[in-house]
Amino acid sequence: MINYKALKGGVDASITRAITSTGKAQQHIQHAAVSILIHTAQHGDWRKAVTLVEGLGDGTVRADSLVAYFAKFGLTQDEDTGEFNGSRGKAYIAEHLDKAKSTAWNTVKKAPNPYRGFHFEDAVRALIKTATAAHAAKASAELEDDKEKRAQILAQIDVTPDNIKALRKLIAA
């Protein structure tokens, strides 16, 4: 349970504490990640990376960047699940260790912009792309020999050339 008692210094002290704590946590994670790479090179045991990623929990840190860091500097991943399944070997890790030390784990995969907001034209362009693909699938389905399959596909697609034209007009103005 979080203690919401006001800190001496008020809200500014709370902000400073949060920023400082986060910076220290990132340093601790960096140290642990490099230690894991060294451990993996020495012992072939890559499972410590799984322990770190899973131990940090959901939402605590950008796990996607940490996973990308490990993959970049020596761990291998299952193509289907993305889970770690081994390493590229001692020589690979040794060759890339200095770069791993100088690369912050949280910079390997770019963070999404939290201020991205909503861009109407981008949303309409994405919708046009989806609608165009659906219309093409509908045209292909109309050529389907199996009547039941054709009817099933056509029932799931409700887009016309006029719909696509109307979407294009929204961003043409």
C-alpha atoms as a PDB file:
ATOM      1  CA  MET A   1       0.000   0.000   0.000  1.00  0.00           C
ATOM      2  CA  ILE A   2       1.309   3.431  -0.911  1.00  0.00           C
ATOM      3  CA  ASN A   3       1.617   6.018   1.831  1.00  0.00           C
ATOM      4  CA  TYR A   4       0.225   9.247   0.404  1.00  0.00           C
ATOM      5  CA  LYS A   5       1.405  11.374   3.305  1.00  0.00           C
ATOM      6  CA  ALA A   6       2.734  14.671   1.967  1.00  0.00           C
ATOM      7  CA  LEU A   7       6.513  14.931   1.734  1.00  0.00           C
ATOM      8  CA  LYS A   8       8.376  17.823   3.261  1.00  0.00           C
ATOM      9  CA  GLY A   9       8.723  20.135   0.270  1.00  0.00           C
ATOM     10  CA  GLY A  10       5.302  19.246  -1.127  1.00  0.00           C
ATOM     11  CA  VAL A  11       4.570  18.260  -4.701  1.00  0.00           C
ATOM     12  CA  ASP A  12       7.960  19.443  -5.978  1.00  0.00           C
ATOM     13  CA  ALA A  13       9.700  17.111  -3.530  1.00  0.00           C
ATOM     14  CA  SER A  14       7.477  14.248  -4.739  1.00  0.00           C
ATOM     15  CA  ILE A  15       8.391  14.952  -8.361  1.00  0.00           C
ATOM     16  CA  THR A  16      12.122  15.169  -7.565  1.00  0.00           C
ATOM     17  CA  ARG A  17      11.949  11.920  -5.609  1.00  0.00           C
ATOM     18  CA  ALA A  18      10.154  10.139  -8.476  1.00  0.00           C
ATOM     19  CA  ILE A  19      12.691  11.365 -11.042  1.00  0.00           C
ATOM     20  CA  THR A  20      15.670  10.461  -8.860  1.00  0.00           C
ATOM     21  CA  SER A  21      14.257   7.036  -8.017  1.00  0.00           C
ATOM     22  CA  THR A  22      13.581   6.284 -11.676  1.00  0.00           C
ATOM     23  CA  GLY A  23      17.102   7.297 -12.678  1.00  0.00           C
ATOM     24  CA  LYS A  24      18.591   5.068  -9.997  1.00  0.00           C
ATOM     25  CA  ALA A  25      16.328   2.183 -11.028  1.00  0.00           C
ATOM     26  CA  GLN A  26      17.498   2.542 -14.635  1.00  0.00           C
ATOM     27  CA  GLN A  27      21.122   2.419 -13.461  1.00  0.00           C
ATOM     28  CA  HIS A  28      20.417  -0.701 -11.401  1.00  0.00           C
ATOM     29  CA  ILE A  29      18.725  -2.365 -14.369  1.00  0.00           C
ATOM     30  CA  GLN A  30      21.669  -1.416 -16.631  1.00  0.00           C
ATOM     31  CA  HIS A  31      24.119  -2.937 -14.150  1.00  0.00           C
ATOM     32  CA  ALA A  32      22.022  -6.094 -13.832  1.00  0.00           C
ATOM     33  CA  ALA A  33      21.688  -6.408 -17.633  1.00  0.00           C
ATOM     34  CA  VAL A  34      25.440  -6.130 -18.220  1.00  0.00           C
ATOM     35  CA  SER A  35      26.053  -8.573 -15.359  1.00  0.00           C
ATOM     36  CA  ILE A  36      23.640 -11.009 -17.000  1.00  0.00           C
ATOM     37  CA  LEU A  37      25.487 -10.737 -20.325  1.00  0.00           C
ATOM     38  CA  ILE A  38      28.795 -11.435 -18.573  1.00  0.00           C
ATOM     39  CA  HIS A  39      27.222 -14.354 -16.674  1.00  0.00           C
ATOM     40  CA  THR A  40      25.801 -15.722 -19.918  1.00  0.00           C
ATOM     41  CA  ALA A  41      29.209 -15.523 -21.633  1.00  0.00           C
ATOM     42  CA  GLN A  42      30.919 -17.258 -18.711  1.00  0.00           C
ATOM     43  CA  HIS A  43      28.347 -19.949 -17.948  1.00  0.00           C
ATOM     44  CA  GLY A  44      26.035 -20.151 -20.976  1.00  0.00           C
ATOM     45  CA  ASP A  45      23.111 -19.430 -18.639  1.00  0.00           C
ATOM     46  CA  TRP A  46      20.812 -16.905 -20.333  1.00  0.00           C
ATOM     47  CA  ARG A  47      17.873 -17.620 -18.000  1.00  0.00           C
ATOM     48  CA  LYS A  48      18.914 -14.799 -15.660  1.00  0.00           C
ATOM     49  CA  ALA A  49      17.621 -12.394 -18.339  1.00  0.00           C
ATOM     50  CA  VAL A  50      14.197 -14.010 -18.071  1.00  0.00           C
ATOM     51  CA  THR A  51      14.369 -13.626 -14.297  1.00  0.00           C
ATOM     52  CA  LEU A  52      15.117  -9.900 -14.615  1.00  0.00           C
ATOM     53  CA  VAL A  53      12.503  -9.142 -17.287  1.00  0.00           C
ATOM     54  CA  GLU A  54       9.759 -11.075 -15.524  1.00  0.00           C
ATOM     55  CA  GLY A  55      10.825  -9.862 -12.083  1.00  0.00           C
ATOM     56  CA  LEU A  56      10.424  -6.221 -13.054  1.00  0.00           C
ATOM     57  CA  GLY A  57       6.762  -6.873 -13.754  1.00  0.00           C
ATOM     58  CA  ASP A  58       4.279  -5.312 -16.099  1.00  0.00           C
ATOM     59  CA  GLY A  59       4.436  -1.573 -16.475  1.00  0.00           C
ATOM     60  CA  THR A  60       7.367  -1.018 -14.116  1.00  0.00           C
ATOM     61  CA  VAL A  61       9.828  -0.484 -16.932  1.00  0.00           C
ATOM     62  CA  ARG A  62       9.794  -0.656 -20.695  1.00  0.00           C
ATOM     63  CA  ALA A  63      10.361  -4.393 -20.904  1.00  0.00           C
ATOM     64  CA  ASP A  64      10.262  -4.222 -24.711  1.00  0.00           C
ATOM     65  CA  SER A  65      13.461  -2.168 -24.722  1.00  0.00           C
ATOM     66  CA  LEU A  66      15.146  -4.427 -22.159  1.00  0.00           C
ATOM     67  CA  VAL A  67      14.315  -7.500 -24.242  1.00  0.00           C
ATOM     68  CA  ALA A  68      15.638  -5.725 -27.360  1.00  0.00           C
ATOM     69  CA  TYR A  69      18.830  -4.845 -25.442  1.00  0.00           C
ATOM     70  CA  PHE A  70      19.458  -8.496 -24.563  1.00  0.00           C
ATOM     71  CA  ALA A  71      18.706  -9.599 -28.133  1.00  0.00           C
ATOM     72  CA  LYS A  72      21.045  -6.970 -29.577  1.00  0.00           C
ATOM     73  CA  PHE A  73      23.921  -7.917 -27.321  1.00  0.00           C
ATOM     74  CA  GLY A  74      23.829 -11.677 -27.382  1.00  0.00           C
ATOM     75  CA  LEU A  75      20.652 -13.494 -26.446  1.00  0.00           C
ATOM     76  CA  THR A  76      18.548 -15.358 -28.965  1.00  0.00           C
ATOM     77  CA  GLN A  77      14.781 -15.493 -29.083  1.00  0.00           C
ATOM     78  CA  ASP A  78      12.196 -17.986 -30.241  1.00  0.00           C
ATOM     79  CA  GLU A  79      10.798 -16.759 -33.569  1.00  0.00           C
ATOM     80  CA  ASP A  80       7.207 -17.536 -32.605  1.00  0.00           C
ATOM     81  CA  THR A  81       7.019 -16.456 -28.965  1.00  0.00           C
ATOM     82  CA  GLY A  82       9.846 -13.917 -28.706  1.00  0.00           C
ATOM     83  CA  GLU A  83      11.009 -15.613 -25.514  1.00  0.00           C
ATOM     84  CA  PHE A  84      14.720 -16.026 -24.894  1.00  0.00           C
ATOM     85  CA  ASN A  85      15.987 -19.454 -25.844  1.00  0.00           C
ATOM     86  CA  GLY A  86      19.785 -19.210 -25.802  1.00  0.00           C
ATOM     87  CA  SER A  87      22.728 -17.017 -26.646  1.00  0.00           C
ATOM     88  CA  ARG A  88      24.891 -16.222 -29.636  1.00  0.00           C
ATOM     89  CA  GLY A  89      27.836 -17.515 -27.676  1.00  0.00           C
ATOM     90  CA  LYS A  90      30.712 -16.317 -25.550  1.00  0.00           C
ATOM     91  CA  ALA A  91      32.666 -14.788 -28.463  1.00  0.00           C
ATOM     92  CA  TYR A  92      29.706 -12.699 -29.664  1.00  0.00           C
ATOM     93  CA  ILE A  93      28.961 -11.357 -26.206  1.00  0.00           C
ATOM     94  CA  ALA A  94      32.644 -10.594 -25.547  1.00  0.00           C
ATOM     95  CA  GLU A  95      32.935  -8.770 -28.872  1.00  0.00           C
ATOM     96  CA  HIS A  96      29.877  -6.595 -28.109  1.00  0.00           C
ATOM     97  CA  LEU A  97      30.265  -6.170 -24.354  1.00  0.00           C
ATOM     98  CA  ASP A  98      31.849  -2.707 -24.438  1.00  0.00           C
ATOM     99  CA  LYS A  99      29.053  -1.472 -26.691  1.00  0.00           C
ATOM    100  CA  ALA A 100      26.511  -3.087 -24.346  1.00  0.00           C
ATOM    101  CA  LYS A 101      28.073  -1.247 -21.410  1.00  0.00           C
ATOM    102  CA  SER A 102      27.893   2.093 -23.187  1.00  0.00           C
ATOM    103  CA  THR A 103      24.356   1.598 -24.534  1.00  0.00           C
ATOM    104  CA  ALA A 104      21.563   2.363 -22.092  1.00  0.00           C
ATOM    105  CA  TRP A 105      19.131  -0.526 -22.065  1.00  0.00           C
ATOM    106  CA  ASN A 106      16.143   1.812 -22.259  1.00  0.00           C
ATOM    107  CA  THR A 107      17.318   3.384 -25.529  1.00  0.00           C
ATOM    108  CA  VAL A 108      17.539   0.252 -27.665  1.00  0.00           C
ATOM    109  CA  LYS A 109      13.871   0.355 -28.589  1.00  0.00           C
ATOM    110  CA  LYS A 110      12.470   3.836 -28.985  1.00  0.00           C
ATOM    111  CA  ALA A 111       9.796   4.776 -26.499  1.00  0.00           C
ATOM    112  CA  PRO A 112       6.433   5.780 -27.879  1.00  0.00           C
ATOM    113  CA  ASN A 113       5.642   9.467 -27.675  1.00  0.00           C
ATOM    114  CA  PRO A 114       3.236   9.910 -24.758  1.00  0.00           C
ATOM    115  CA  TYR A 115       2.061  13.190 -26.282  1.00  0.00           C
ATOM    116  CA  ARG A 116       1.284  11.780 -29.731  1.00  0.00           C
ATOM    117  CA  GLY A 117      -2.349  12.679 -29.389  1.00  0.00           C
ATOM    118  CA  PHE A 118      -4.856  12.040 -32.133  1.00  0.00           C
ATOM    119  CA  HIS A 119      -4.214  12.988 -35.735  1.00  0.00           C
ATOM    120  CA  PHE A 120      -7.363  12.862 -37.784  1.00  0.00           C
ATOM    121  CA  GLU A 121      -5.675  12.566 -41.197  1.00  0.00           C
ATOM    122  CA  ASP A 122      -3.456   9.687 -40.024  1.00  0.00           C
ATOM    123  CA  ALA A 123      -6.499   7.871 -38.655  1.00  0.00           C
ATOM    124  CA  VAL A 124      -8.453   8.379 -41.893  1.00  0.00           C
ATOM    125  CA  ARG A 125      -5.474   7.227 -44.006  1.00  0.00           C
ATOM    126  CA  ALA A 126      -5.234   4.061 -41.904  1.00  0.00           C
ATOM    127  CA  LEU A 127      -8.968   3.513 -42.316  1.00  0.00           C
ATOM    128  CA  ILE A 128      -8.687   3.991 -46.102  1.00  0.00           C
ATOM    129  CA  LYS A 129      -5.920   1.397 -46.204  1.00  0.00           C
ATOM    130  CA  THR A 130      -7.995  -1.071 -44.172  1.00  0.00           C
ATOM    131  CA  ALA A 131     -11.147  -0.415 -46.215  1.00  0.00           C
ATOM    132  CA  THR A 132      -9.270  -0.817 -49.513  1.00  0.00           C
ATOM    133  CA  ALA A 133      -7.840  -4.150 -48.363  1.00  0.00           C
ATOM    134  CA  ALA A 134     -11.285  -5.286 -47.206  1.00  0.00           C
ATOM    135  CA  HIS A 135     -12.800  -4.293 -50.539  1.00  0.00           C
ATOM    136  CA  ALA A 136     -10.119  -6.305 -52.367  1.00  0.00           C
ATOM    137  CA  ALA A 137     -10.864  -9.293 -50.125  1.00  0.00           C
ATOM    138  CA  LYS A 138     -14.553  -8.868 -50.913  1.00  0.00           C
ATOM    139  CA  ALA A 139     -13.802  -8.878 -54.644  1.00  0.00           C
ATOM    140  CA  SER A 140     -11.761 -12.067 -54.232  1.00  0.00           C
ATOM    141  CA  ALA A 141     -14.514 -13.684 -52.196  1.00  0.00           C
ATOM    142  CA  GLU A 142     -17.020 -13.029 -54.973  1.00  0.00           C
ATOM    143  CA  LEU A 143     -14.939 -15.374 -57.130  1.00  0.00           C
ATOM    144  CA  GLU A 144     -15.091 -18.160 -54.523  1.00  0.00           C
ATOM    145  CA  ASP A 145     -16.675 -21.358 -55.881  1.00  0.00           C
ATOM    146  CA  ASP A 146     -17.937 -22.586 -52.526  1.00  0.00           C
ATOM    147  CA  LYS A 147     -21.256 -20.745 -52.041  1.00  0.00           C
ATOM    148  CA  GLU A 148     -21.286 -21.143 -48.254  1.00  0.00           C
ATOM    149  CA  LYS A 149     -17.739 -19.873 -47.876  1.00  0.00           C
ATOM    150  CA  ARG A 150     -18.453 -16.992 -50.259  1.00  0.00           C
ATOM    151  CA  ALA A 151     -21.589 -16.008 -48.320  1.00  0.00           C
ATOM    152  CA  GLN A 152     -19.719 -16.198 -45.006  1.00  0.00           C
ATOM    153  CA  ILE A 153     -16.899 -13.936 -46.230  1.00  0.00           C
ATOM    154  CA  LEU A 154     -19.226 -11.451 -47.908  1.00  0.00           C
ATOM    155  CA  ALA A 155     -21.355 -11.213 -44.750  1.00  0.00           C
ATOM    156  CA  GLN A 156     -18.278 -10.104 -42.802  1.00  0.00           C
ATOM    157  CA  ILE A 157     -17.213  -7.364 -45.220  1.00  0.00           C
ATOM    158  CA  ASP A 158     -19.320  -4.251 -45.534  1.00  0.00           C
ATOM    159  CA  VAL A 159     -17.366  -1.742 -47.610  1.00  0.00           C
ATOM    160  CA  THR A 160     -18.050  -0.230 -51.018  1.00  0.00           C
ATOM    161  CA  PRO A 161     -16.050   1.925 -53.412  1.00  0.00           C
ATOM    162  CA  ASP A 162     -18.341   4.796 -52.400  1.00  0.00           C
ATOM    163  CA  ASN A 163     -17.304   4.331 -48.753  1.00  0.00           C
ATOM    164  CA  ILE A 164     -13.640   4.594 -49.744  1.00  0.00           C
ATOM    165  CA  LYS A 165     -14.323   7.678 -51.881  1.00  0.00           C
ATOM    166  CA  ALA A 166     -16.111   9.325 -48.978  1.00  0.00           C
ATOM    167  CA  LEU A 167     -13.128   8.670 -46.710  1.00  0.00           C
ATOM    168  CA  ARG A 168     -10.743  10.145 -49.271  1.00  0.00           C
ATOM    169  CA  LYS A 169     -12.900  13.299 -49.458  1.00  0.00           C
ATOM    170  CA  LEU A 170     -12.412  13.803 -45.732  1.00  0.00           C
ATOM    171  CA  ILE A 171      -8.706  14.419 -46.152  1.00  0.00           C
ATOM    172  CA  ALA A 172      -8.754  15.954 -49.635  1.00  0.00           C
ATOM    173  CA  ALA A 173     -10.220  19.241 -48.443  1.00  0.00           C
END
